[in-house]
């Protein structure tokens, strides 16, 4: 039979244990510190690189530039391009979407076109090799409904970088002149759609620069006044269109015009429809991030 320890014996054991703990305190603390160091060592990666705020900003910009914008066209489209300059966008569109039907038009006569844009003749010859492409000159974008040759089952009408090109110095007059151009264009596009019977399916795409004075044009309001609804929009990325070179309305002028597309680094393509878009479809958070540049349709 085991004898139970007395209360005095228990107290003595507790004092001895406490003294032993104090005596080994330094060693215990040392072990704790070593474990803490090991723990910190595990948290620290073997090789860690740090970037400056400038590098982080550049990396963010690079990621944004690499994002592919929404694709507004496909091989089954029948596109009317109005107000083309050197027709390099028409060529880029055809090369990107083989089989696409395109009616490429210029405001200039063929002779004037070649005088203003020296590279246009070669591009017209390239477009002539496409069976589904036709080129028409001296077409007024504000009177599309008057041309019988344009009365086709179009799916899209595109007007890239519209501008009256009159060199108006007064800002207010300049804005009003370009607003009148766009307003008349939307009116003509609607009348053409009515004649052909494509009001339910037609999309009208207008690309304009961003910033002053272009923001003052208020493209969405001009379209709405002519019965159009804003469907979506996205930044226009010239690099997405191989071989495309932006040209001003006044033509290529040595020392004034640029060889590349620096002038249109900030531009946006707006998509309008005559039939009010149906709302209610919820997009995922991921899609919203990928299409953060897009705008919602008008109410």
C-alpha atoms as a PDB file:
ATOM      1  CA  UNK A   1       0.000   0.000   0.000  1.00  0.00           C
ATOM      2  CA  UNK A   2       1.473   3.308  -1.152  1.00  0.00           C
ATOM      3  CA  UNK A   3       1.669   6.025   1.447  1.00  0.00           C
ATOM      4  CA  UNK A   4       0.260   9.380   0.418  1.00  0.00           C
ATOM      5  CA  UNK A   5       2.723  12.294   0.615  1.00  0.00           C
ATOM      6  CA  UNK A   6       2.067  14.765   3.394  1.00  0.00           C
ATOM      7  CA  UNK A   7       1.165  18.379   2.778  1.00  0.00           C
ATOM      8  CA  UNK A   8       4.601  19.429   4.003  1.00  0.00           C
ATOM      9  CA  UNK A   9       6.313  17.098   1.527  1.00  0.00           C
ATOM     10  CA  UNK A  10       4.264  18.474  -1.351  1.00  0.00           C
ATOM     11  CA  UNK A  11       5.163  22.055  -0.447  1.00  0.00           C
ATOM     12  CA  UNK A  12       8.847  21.094  -0.263  1.00  0.00           C
ATOM     13  CA  UNK A  13       8.696  19.532  -3.755  1.00  0.00           C
ATOM     14  CA  UNK A  14       7.067  22.666  -5.172  1.00  0.00           C
ATOM     15  CA  UNK A  15       9.775  24.924  -3.713  1.00  0.00           C
ATOM     16  CA  UNK A  16      12.508  22.704  -5.140  1.00  0.00           C
ATOM     17  CA  UNK A  17      10.850  22.736  -8.590  1.00  0.00           C
ATOM     18  CA  UNK A  18      10.522  26.514  -8.507  1.00  0.00           C
ATOM     19  CA  UNK A  19      14.187  26.986  -7.582  1.00  0.00           C
ATOM     20  CA  UNK A  20      15.245  24.608 -10.331  1.00  0.00           C
ATOM     21  CA  UNK A  21      13.216  26.640 -12.856  1.00  0.00           C
ATOM     22  CA  UNK A  22      14.908  29.886 -11.781  1.00  0.00           C
ATOM     23  CA  UNK A  23      18.310  28.271 -12.061  1.00  0.00           C
ATOM     24  CA  UNK A  24      17.696  27.147 -15.599  1.00  0.00           C
ATOM     25  CA  UNK A  25      16.005  30.421 -16.625  1.00  0.00           C
ATOM     26  CA  UNK A  26      18.936  31.643 -18.699  1.00  0.00           C
ATOM     27  CA  UNK A  27      19.072  28.411 -20.640  1.00  0.00           C
ATOM     28  CA  UNK A  28      15.327  28.375 -21.168  1.00  0.00           C
ATOM     29  CA  UNK A  29      15.394  31.920 -22.405  1.00  0.00           C
ATOM     30  CA  UNK A  30      18.245  31.003 -24.693  1.00  0.00           C
ATOM     31  CA  UNK A  31      16.234  28.155 -26.180  1.00  0.00           C
ATOM     32  CA  UNK A  32      13.295  30.479 -26.625  1.00  0.00           C
ATOM     33  CA  UNK A  33      15.413  33.038 -28.422  1.00  0.00           C
ATOM     34  CA  UNK A  34      16.874  30.357 -30.657  1.00  0.00           C
ATOM     35  CA  UNK A  35      13.382  29.097 -31.537  1.00  0.00           C
ATOM     36  CA  UNK A  36      12.326  32.663 -32.231  1.00  0.00           C
ATOM     37  CA  UNK A  37      15.325  33.149 -34.546  1.00  0.00           C
ATOM     38  CA  UNK A  38      14.550  29.878 -36.296  1.00  0.00           C
ATOM     39  CA  UNK A  39      10.931  30.945 -36.673  1.00  0.00           C
ATOM     40  CA  UNK A  40      11.959  34.296 -38.113  1.00  0.00           C
ATOM     41  CA  UNK A  41      14.392  32.540 -40.410  1.00  0.00           C
ATOM     42  CA  UNK A  42      11.590  30.377 -41.760  1.00  0.00           C
ATOM     43  CA  UNK A  43       9.477  33.432 -42.406  1.00  0.00           C
ATOM     44  CA  UNK A  44      12.251  35.128 -44.371  1.00  0.00           C
ATOM     45  CA  UNK A  45      12.631  33.810 -47.951  1.00  0.00           C
ATOM     46  CA  UNK A  46      16.091  32.671 -48.968  1.00  0.00           C
ATOM     47  CA  UNK A  47      16.315  35.292 -51.766  1.00  0.00           C
ATOM     48  CA  UNK A  48      14.128  38.353 -51.576  1.00  0.00           C
ATOM     49  CA  UNK A  49      14.237  41.208 -54.064  1.00  0.00           C
ATOM     50  CA  UNK A  50      12.737  44.628 -53.557  1.00  0.00           C
ATOM     51  CA  UNK A  51      11.524  47.043 -56.248  1.00  0.00           C
ATOM     52  CA  UNK A  52      11.364  50.796 -56.024  1.00  0.00           C
ATOM     53  CA  UNK A  53       8.017  52.625 -56.292  1.00  0.00           C
ATOM     54  CA  UNK A  54       9.064  53.745 -59.796  1.00  0.00           C
ATOM     55  CA  UNK A  55       9.733  50.145 -60.858  1.00  0.00           C
ATOM     56  CA  UNK A  56       6.397  49.046 -59.390  1.00  0.00           C
ATOM     57  CA  UNK A  57       4.660  51.834 -61.308  1.00  0.00           C
ATOM     58  CA  UNK A  58       6.381  50.824 -64.548  1.00  0.00           C
ATOM     59  CA  UNK A  59       5.433  47.195 -63.979  1.00  0.00           C
ATOM     60  CA  UNK A  60       1.808  48.195 -63.436  1.00  0.00           C
ATOM     61  CA  UNK A  61       1.840  50.258 -66.624  1.00  0.00           C
ATOM     62  CA  UNK A  62       3.333  47.345 -68.541  1.00  0.00           C
ATOM     63  CA  UNK A  63       0.583  45.030 -67.316  1.00  0.00           C
ATOM     64  CA  UNK A  64      -2.084  47.507 -68.350  1.00  0.00           C
ATOM     65  CA  UNK A  65      -0.579  47.903 -71.809  1.00  0.00           C
ATOM     66  CA  UNK A  66      -0.441  44.136 -72.333  1.00  0.00           C
ATOM     67  CA  UNK A  67      -4.168  43.727 -71.712  1.00  0.00           C
ATOM     68  CA  UNK A  68      -6.018  42.949 -74.896  1.00  0.00           C
ATOM     69  CA  UNK A  69      -9.003  45.251 -75.404  1.00  0.00           C
ATOM     70  CA  UNK A  70     -12.456  43.865 -76.239  1.00  0.00           C
ATOM     71  CA  UNK A  71     -12.758  42.588 -79.800  1.00  0.00           C
ATOM     72  CA  UNK A  72     -15.488  44.541 -81.583  1.00  0.00           C
ATOM     73  CA  UNK A  73     -15.091  42.763 -84.928  1.00  0.00           C
ATOM     74  CA  UNK A  74     -15.188  39.207 -86.262  1.00  0.00           C
ATOM     75  CA  UNK A  75     -14.870  37.367 -89.584  1.00  0.00           C
ATOM     76  CA  UNK A  76     -18.644  37.383 -90.122  1.00  0.00           C
ATOM     77  CA  UNK A  77     -18.980  41.159 -90.007  1.00  0.00           C
ATOM     78  CA  UNK A  78     -19.970  43.429 -92.866  1.00  0.00           C
ATOM     79  CA  UNK A  79     -18.271  46.721 -92.033  1.00  0.00           C
ATOM     80  CA  UNK A  80     -18.627  50.163 -93.558  1.00  0.00           C
ATOM     81  CA  UNK A  81     -15.570  52.308 -92.786  1.00  0.00           C
ATOM     82  CA  UNK A  82     -16.113  56.036 -93.313  1.00  0.00           C
ATOM     83  CA  UNK A  83     -13.685  58.943 -93.268  1.00  0.00           C
ATOM     84  CA  UNK A  84     -10.639  56.742 -93.867  1.00  0.00           C
ATOM     85  CA  UNK A  85      -7.330  58.557 -94.290  1.00  0.00           C
ATOM     86  CA  UNK A  86      -4.590  56.470 -95.865  1.00  0.00           C
ATOM     87  CA  UNK A  87      -6.795  53.358 -95.521  1.00  0.00           C
ATOM     88  CA  UNK A  88      -4.248  51.627 -93.298  1.00  0.00           C
ATOM     89  CA  UNK A  89      -6.945  50.728 -90.767  1.00  0.00           C
ATOM     90  CA  UNK A  90      -8.988  49.080 -93.529  1.00  0.00           C
ATOM     91  CA  UNK A  91      -5.961  46.999 -94.458  1.00  0.00           C
ATOM     92  CA  UNK A  92      -5.255  46.081 -90.820  1.00  0.00           C
ATOM     93  CA  UNK A  93      -8.874  45.046 -90.305  1.00  0.00           C
ATOM     94  CA  UNK A  94      -8.846  42.783 -93.364  1.00  0.00           C
ATOM     95  CA  UNK A  95      -5.544  41.196 -92.447  1.00  0.00           C
ATOM     96  CA  UNK A  96      -6.666  40.513 -88.909  1.00  0.00           C
ATOM     97  CA  UNK A  97     -10.028  39.022 -89.868  1.00  0.00           C
ATOM     98  CA  UNK A  98      -9.736  37.048 -93.107  1.00  0.00           C
ATOM     99  CA  UNK A  99     -13.041  36.809 -94.939  1.00  0.00           C
ATOM    100  CA  UNK A 100     -14.552  39.907 -93.332  1.00  0.00           C
ATOM    101  CA  UNK A 101     -16.641  42.042 -95.689  1.00  0.00           C
ATOM    102  CA  UNK A 102     -15.535  45.662 -95.834  1.00  0.00           C
ATOM    103  CA  UNK A 103     -16.640  48.776 -97.669  1.00  0.00           C
ATOM    104  CA  UNK A 104     -13.787  51.238 -97.182  1.00  0.00           C
ATOM    105  CA  UNK A 105     -14.597  54.855 -98.031  1.00  0.00           C
ATOM    106  CA  UNK A 106     -12.697  58.134 -98.147  1.00  0.00           C
ATOM    107  CA  UNK A 107     -13.996  61.695 -98.202  1.00  0.00           C
ATOM    108  CA  UNK A 108     -11.311  62.674-100.704  1.00  0.00           C
ATOM    109  CA  UNK A 109     -11.313  61.916-104.395  1.00  0.00           C
ATOM    110  CA  UNK A 110      -8.860  59.227-105.419  1.00  0.00           C
ATOM    111  CA  UNK A 111      -6.448  61.808-106.847  1.00  0.00           C
ATOM    112  CA  UNK A 112      -6.576  64.018-103.771  1.00  0.00           C
ATOM    113  CA  UNK A 113      -6.163  60.973-101.562  1.00  0.00           C
ATOM    114  CA  UNK A 114      -2.862  60.035-103.164  1.00  0.00           C
ATOM    115  CA  UNK A 115      -1.637  63.627-102.968  1.00  0.00           C
ATOM    116  CA  UNK A 116      -2.451  63.910 -99.256  1.00  0.00           C
ATOM    117  CA  UNK A 117      -1.307  60.427 -98.264  1.00  0.00           C
ATOM    118  CA  UNK A 118       1.644  59.139-100.348  1.00  0.00           C
ATOM    119  CA  UNK A 119       1.298  55.620 -98.936  1.00  0.00           C
ATOM    120  CA  UNK A 120      -2.415  55.322 -99.765  1.00  0.00           C
ATOM    121  CA  UNK A 121      -1.967  54.109-103.357  1.00  0.00           C
ATOM    122  CA  UNK A 122      -0.019  51.036-102.318  1.00  0.00           C
ATOM    123  CA  UNK A 123      -2.601  50.251 -99.620  1.00  0.00           C
ATOM    124  CA  UNK A 124      -5.478  50.572-102.112  1.00  0.00           C
ATOM    125  CA  UNK A 125      -3.701  48.070-104.350  1.00  0.00           C
ATOM    126  CA  UNK A 126      -3.422  45.644-101.424  1.00  0.00           C
ATOM    127  CA  UNK A 127      -7.110  46.020-100.616  1.00  0.00           C
ATOM    128  CA  UNK A 128      -7.897  45.282-104.246  1.00  0.00           C
ATOM    129  CA  UNK A 129      -6.598  41.742-103.743  1.00  0.00           C
ATOM    130  CA  UNK A 130      -9.408  40.972-101.288  1.00  0.00           C
ATOM    131  CA  UNK A 131     -12.569  39.618-102.894  1.00  0.00           C
ATOM    132  CA  UNK A 132     -14.738  40.775 -99.991  1.00  0.00           C
ATOM    133  CA  UNK A 133     -13.417  44.365 -99.938  1.00  0.00           C
ATOM    134  CA  UNK A 134     -14.407  47.379-102.005  1.00  0.00           C
ATOM    135  CA  UNK A 135     -13.012  50.910-101.906  1.00  0.00           C
ATOM    136  CA  UNK A 136     -15.129  53.987-102.630  1.00  0.00           C
ATOM    137  CA  UNK A 137     -13.904  57.575-102.826  1.00  0.00           C
ATOM    138  CA  UNK A 138     -15.651  60.906-102.355  1.00  0.00           C
ATOM    139  CA  UNK A 139     -18.141  59.545 -99.794  1.00  0.00           C
ATOM    140  CA  UNK A 140     -19.623  62.065 -97.372  1.00  0.00           C
ATOM    141  CA  UNK A 141     -20.037  60.547 -93.893  1.00  0.00           C
ATOM    142  CA  UNK A 142     -22.917  62.933 -93.196  1.00  0.00           C
ATOM    143  CA  UNK A 143     -24.933  61.678 -96.193  1.00  0.00           C
ATOM    144  CA  UNK A 144     -24.502  57.906 -96.065  1.00  0.00           C
ATOM    145  CA  UNK A 145     -28.196  57.275 -96.685  1.00  0.00           C
ATOM    146  CA  UNK A 146     -27.937  58.916-100.117  1.00  0.00           C
ATOM    147  CA  UNK A 147     -25.524  56.357-101.624  1.00  0.00           C
ATOM    148  CA  UNK A 148     -27.177  53.275-103.097  1.00  0.00           C
ATOM    149  CA  UNK A 149     -23.866  51.400-103.081  1.00  0.00           C
ATOM    150  CA  UNK A 150     -23.845  51.562 -99.283  1.00  0.00           C
ATOM    151  CA  UNK A 151     -27.282  50.012 -98.825  1.00  0.00           C
ATOM    152  CA  UNK A 152     -25.981  46.639 -97.730  1.00  0.00           C
ATOM    153  CA  UNK A 153     -26.785  44.318 -94.792  1.00  0.00           C
ATOM    154  CA  UNK A 154     -24.119  45.973 -92.682  1.00  0.00           C
ATOM    155  CA  UNK A 155     -23.334  44.866 -89.157  1.00  0.00           C
ATOM    156  CA  UNK A 156     -21.101  47.824 -88.288  1.00  0.00           C
ATOM    157  CA  UNK A 157     -20.355  51.387 -89.379  1.00  0.00           C
ATOM    158  CA  UNK A 158     -17.014  52.691 -88.140  1.00  0.00           C
ATOM    159  CA  UNK A 159     -15.779  56.281 -88.042  1.00  0.00           C
ATOM    160  CA  UNK A 160     -12.244  56.506 -86.626  1.00  0.00           C
ATOM    161  CA  UNK A 161     -10.978  59.879 -85.432  1.00  0.00           C
ATOM    162  CA  UNK A 162     -13.561  62.132 -87.089  1.00  0.00           C
ATOM    163  CA  UNK A 163     -12.461  65.750 -87.532  1.00  0.00           C
ATOM    164  CA  UNK A 164     -13.547  68.580 -89.796  1.00  0.00           C
ATOM    165  CA  UNK A 165      -9.895  69.449 -90.455  1.00  0.00           C
ATOM    166  CA  UNK A 166     -10.599  73.125 -91.023  1.00  0.00           C
ATOM    167  CA  UNK A 167      -7.856  74.441 -88.767  1.00  0.00           C
ATOM    168  CA  UNK A 168     -10.296  76.469 -86.636  1.00  0.00           C
ATOM    169  CA  UNK A 169      -8.263  78.216 -83.925  1.00  0.00           C
ATOM    170  CA  UNK A 170     -11.189  79.339 -81.791  1.00  0.00           C
ATOM    171  CA  UNK A 171     -11.872  76.522 -79.327  1.00  0.00           C
ATOM    172  CA  UNK A 172     -15.643  77.015 -79.103  1.00  0.00           C
ATOM    173  CA  UNK A 173     -16.098  77.181 -82.870  1.00  0.00           C
ATOM    174  CA  UNK A 174     -13.828  74.162 -83.296  1.00  0.00           C
ATOM    175  CA  UNK A 175     -15.862  72.099 -80.840  1.00  0.00           C
ATOM    176  CA  UNK A 176     -19.164  73.107 -82.408  1.00  0.00           C
ATOM    177  CA  UNK A 177     -17.957  72.300 -85.923  1.00  0.00           C
ATOM    178  CA  UNK A 178     -16.925  68.793 -84.916  1.00  0.00           C
ATOM    179  CA  UNK A 179     -20.123  68.282 -82.959  1.00  0.00           C
ATOM    180  CA  UNK A 180     -22.090  69.183 -86.075  1.00  0.00           C
ATOM    181  CA  UNK A 181     -20.047  66.669 -88.090  1.00  0.00           C
ATOM    182  CA  UNK A 182     -20.763  63.865 -85.638  1.00  0.00           C
ATOM    183  CA  UNK A 183     -24.416  64.768 -85.206  1.00  0.00           C
ATOM    184  CA  UNK A 184     -24.962  64.671 -88.966  1.00  0.00           C
ATOM    185  CA  UNK A 185     -23.034  61.406 -89.183  1.00  0.00           C
ATOM    186  CA  UNK A 186     -25.238  59.718 -86.580  1.00  0.00           C
ATOM    187  CA  UNK A 187     -28.338  61.022 -88.371  1.00  0.00           C
ATOM    188  CA  UNK A 188     -27.127  59.656 -91.715  1.00  0.00           C
ATOM    189  CA  UNK A 189     -26.197  56.296 -90.180  1.00  0.00           C
ATOM    190  CA  UNK A 190     -29.679  55.962 -88.681  1.00  0.00           C
ATOM    191  CA  UNK A 191     -31.363  56.828 -91.971  1.00  0.00           C
ATOM    192  CA  UNK A 192     -29.203  54.290 -93.781  1.00  0.00           C
ATOM    193  CA  UNK A 193     -30.124  51.642 -91.213  1.00  0.00           C
ATOM    194  CA  UNK A 194     -33.812  52.460 -91.665  1.00  0.00           C
ATOM    195  CA  UNK A 195     -33.583  52.099 -95.436  1.00  0.00           C
ATOM    196  CA  UNK A 196     -31.785  48.752 -95.245  1.00  0.00           C
ATOM    197  CA  UNK A 197     -33.787  47.419 -92.300  1.00  0.00           C
ATOM    198  CA  UNK A 198     -30.860  46.772 -89.970  1.00  0.00           C
ATOM    199  CA  UNK A 199     -31.820  48.965 -87.034  1.00  0.00           C
ATOM    200  CA  UNK A 200     -32.036  45.983 -84.663  1.00  0.00           C
ATOM    201  CA  UNK A 201     -28.561  44.649 -85.399  1.00  0.00           C
ATOM    202  CA  UNK A 202     -26.389  47.571 -86.526  1.00  0.00           C
ATOM    203  CA  UNK A 203     -23.543  48.828 -84.341  1.00  0.00           C
ATOM    204  CA  UNK A 204     -21.922  52.211 -84.911  1.00  0.00           C
ATOM    205  CA  UNK A 205     -18.342  52.590 -83.701  1.00  0.00           C
ATOM    206  CA  UNK A 206     -16.754  56.009 -83.223  1.00  0.00           C
ATOM    207  CA  UNK A 207     -13.157  56.431 -82.054  1.00  0.00           C
ATOM    208  CA  UNK A 208     -12.041  59.785 -80.661  1.00  0.00           C
ATOM    209  CA  UNK A 209      -9.069  61.072 -78.744  1.00  0.00           C
ATOM    210  CA  UNK A 210      -9.376  61.650 -75.012  1.00  0.00           C
ATOM    211  CA  UNK A 211      -8.656  64.949 -73.301  1.00  0.00           C
ATOM    212  CA  UNK A 212      -9.224  68.554 -74.346  1.00  0.00           C
ATOM    213  CA  UNK A 213     -10.847  69.583 -76.609  1.00  0.00           C
ATOM    214  CA  UNK A 214     -12.224  66.167 -77.609  1.00  0.00           C
ATOM    215  CA  UNK A 215     -13.995  65.524 -74.320  1.00  0.00           C
ATOM    216  CA  UNK A 216     -15.988  68.687 -74.992  1.00  0.00           C
ATOM    217  CA  UNK A 217     -17.512  67.055 -78.071  1.00  0.00           C
ATOM    218  CA  UNK A 218     -19.614  64.849 -75.754  1.00  0.00           C
ATOM    219  CA  UNK A 219     -19.971  62.061 -78.306  1.00  0.00           C
ATOM    220  CA  UNK A 220     -22.429  60.040 -76.226  1.00  0.00           C
ATOM    221  CA  UNK A 221     -24.903  62.919 -75.992  1.00  0.00           C
ATOM    222  CA  UNK A 222     -24.669  63.589 -79.728  1.00  0.00           C
ATOM    223  CA  UNK A 223     -25.428  59.925 -80.471  1.00  0.00           C
ATOM    224  CA  UNK A 224     -28.294  59.827 -77.988  1.00  0.00           C
ATOM    225  CA  UNK A 225     -29.875  62.898 -79.579  1.00  0.00           C
ATOM    226  CA  UNK A 226     -30.091  60.956 -82.860  1.00  0.00           C
ATOM    227  CA  UNK A 227     -31.717  57.892 -81.290  1.00  0.00           C
ATOM    228  CA  UNK A 228     -28.631  55.830 -80.416  1.00  0.00           C
ATOM    229  CA  UNK A 229     -27.829  54.095 -77.148  1.00  0.00           C
ATOM    230  CA  UNK A 230     -24.320  53.640 -75.753  1.00  0.00           C
ATOM    231  CA  UNK A 231     -23.556  49.921 -75.572  1.00  0.00           C
ATOM    232  CA  UNK A 232     -19.952  49.913 -74.395  1.00  0.00           C
ATOM    233  CA  UNK A 233     -16.555  51.500 -74.974  1.00  0.00           C
ATOM    234  CA  UNK A 234     -12.885  50.649 -74.613  1.00  0.00           C
ATOM    235  CA  UNK A 235      -9.520  52.250 -75.129  1.00  0.00           C
ATOM    236  CA  UNK A 236      -8.302  52.209 -78.708  1.00  0.00           C
ATOM    237  CA  UNK A 237      -4.893  50.529 -78.846  1.00  0.00           C
ATOM    238  CA  UNK A 238      -3.197  51.259 -82.163  1.00  0.00           C
ATOM    239  CA  UNK A 239      -0.613  48.525 -81.575  1.00  0.00           C
ATOM    240  CA  UNK A 240      -3.415  45.949 -81.835  1.00  0.00           C
ATOM    241  CA  UNK A 241      -3.768  46.846 -85.535  1.00  0.00           C
ATOM    242  CA  UNK A 242      -0.624  45.821 -87.353  1.00  0.00           C
ATOM    243  CA  UNK A 243       0.420  48.310 -90.009  1.00  0.00           C
ATOM    244  CA  UNK A 244      -2.065  50.974 -88.926  1.00  0.00           C
ATOM    245  CA  UNK A 245      -0.756  54.545 -89.010  1.00  0.00           C
ATOM    246  CA  UNK A 246      -2.894  57.474 -87.941  1.00  0.00           C
ATOM    247  CA  UNK A 247      -3.124  60.383 -90.364  1.00  0.00           C
ATOM    248  CA  UNK A 248      -4.656  63.800 -89.873  1.00  0.00           C
ATOM    249  CA  UNK A 249      -7.503  65.058 -92.051  1.00  0.00           C
ATOM    250  CA  UNK A 250      -5.226  67.661 -93.635  1.00  0.00           C
ATOM    251  CA  UNK A 251      -2.932  64.881 -94.881  1.00  0.00           C
ATOM    252  CA  UNK A 252       0.678  64.007 -94.231  1.00  0.00           C
ATOM    253  CA  UNK A 253       2.727  67.155 -93.666  1.00  0.00           C
ATOM    254  CA  UNK A 254       6.483  66.885 -93.262  1.00  0.00           C
ATOM    255  CA  UNK A 255       7.558  68.209 -89.881  1.00  0.00           C
ATOM    256  CA  UNK A 256       3.992  68.292 -88.544  1.00  0.00           C
ATOM    257  CA  UNK A 257       2.657  64.766 -88.933  1.00  0.00           C
ATOM    258  CA  UNK A 258       4.198  61.901 -86.967  1.00  0.00           C
ATOM    259  CA  UNK A 259       5.419  58.636 -88.449  1.00  0.00           C
ATOM    260  CA  UNK A 260       3.943  56.573 -85.629  1.00  0.00           C
ATOM    261  CA  UNK A 261       0.781  56.811 -83.559  1.00  0.00           C
ATOM    262  CA  UNK A 262       1.968  59.063 -80.740  1.00  0.00           C
ATOM    263  CA  UNK A 263      -0.962  61.410 -81.319  1.00  0.00           C
ATOM    264  CA  UNK A 264      -3.529  58.754 -80.464  1.00  0.00           C
ATOM    265  CA  UNK A 265      -2.000  57.114 -77.407  1.00  0.00           C
ATOM    266  CA  UNK A 266      -5.084  58.204 -75.467  1.00  0.00           C
ATOM    267  CA  UNK A 267      -8.162  57.370 -77.505  1.00  0.00           C
ATOM    268  CA  UNK A 268     -11.435  55.522 -76.983  1.00  0.00           C
ATOM    269  CA  UNK A 269     -13.794  53.560 -79.217  1.00  0.00           C
ATOM    270  CA  UNK A 270     -17.478  54.023 -78.424  1.00  0.00           C
ATOM    271  CA  UNK A 271     -20.051  51.472 -79.567  1.00  0.00           C
ATOM    272  CA  UNK A 272     -23.625  52.646 -80.200  1.00  0.00           C
ATOM    273  CA  UNK A 273     -26.781  50.759 -81.127  1.00  0.00           C
ATOM    274  CA  UNK A 274     -30.285  51.780 -82.197  1.00  0.00           C
ATOM    275  CA  UNK A 275     -31.981  49.109 -80.126  1.00  0.00           C
ATOM    276  CA  UNK A 276     -31.726  49.696 -76.391  1.00  0.00           C
ATOM    277  CA  UNK A 277     -29.370  47.133 -74.815  1.00  0.00           C
ATOM    278  CA  UNK A 278     -30.921  44.646 -72.383  1.00  0.00           C
ATOM    279  CA  UNK A 279     -29.640  45.055 -68.832  1.00  0.00           C
ATOM    280  CA  UNK A 280     -29.740  42.567 -65.993  1.00  0.00           C
ATOM    281  CA  UNK A 281     -26.897  40.198 -66.799  1.00  0.00           C
ATOM    282  CA  UNK A 282     -24.439  40.274 -63.929  1.00  0.00           C
ATOM    283  CA  UNK A 283     -20.737  40.123 -64.726  1.00  0.00           C
ATOM    284  CA  UNK A 284     -18.198  38.380 -62.522  1.00  0.00           C
ATOM    285  CA  UNK A 285     -15.612  40.322 -60.549  1.00  0.00           C
ATOM    286  CA  UNK A 286     -12.909  38.924 -62.780  1.00  0.00           C
ATOM    287  CA  UNK A 287     -14.629  40.119 -65.936  1.00  0.00           C
ATOM    288  CA  UNK A 288     -15.113  43.545 -64.393  1.00  0.00           C
ATOM    289  CA  UNK A 289     -11.388  43.760 -63.672  1.00  0.00           C
ATOM    290  CA  UNK A 290     -10.472  42.657 -67.197  1.00  0.00           C
ATOM    291  CA  UNK A 291     -12.895  45.095 -68.766  1.00  0.00           C
ATOM    292  CA  UNK A 292     -12.415  47.957 -66.329  1.00  0.00           C
ATOM    293  CA  UNK A 293     -12.168  50.404 -69.214  1.00  0.00           C
ATOM    294  CA  UNK A 294     -15.639  49.542 -70.422  1.00  0.00           C
ATOM    295  CA  UNK A 295     -18.552  51.861 -69.774  1.00  0.00           C
ATOM    296  CA  UNK A 296     -22.128  50.891 -69.078  1.00  0.00           C
ATOM    297  CA  UNK A 297     -24.869  51.667 -71.560  1.00  0.00           C
ATOM    298  CA  UNK A 298     -27.106  54.673 -71.178  1.00  0.00           C
ATOM    299  CA  UNK A 299     -30.195  54.339 -69.024  1.00  0.00           C
END
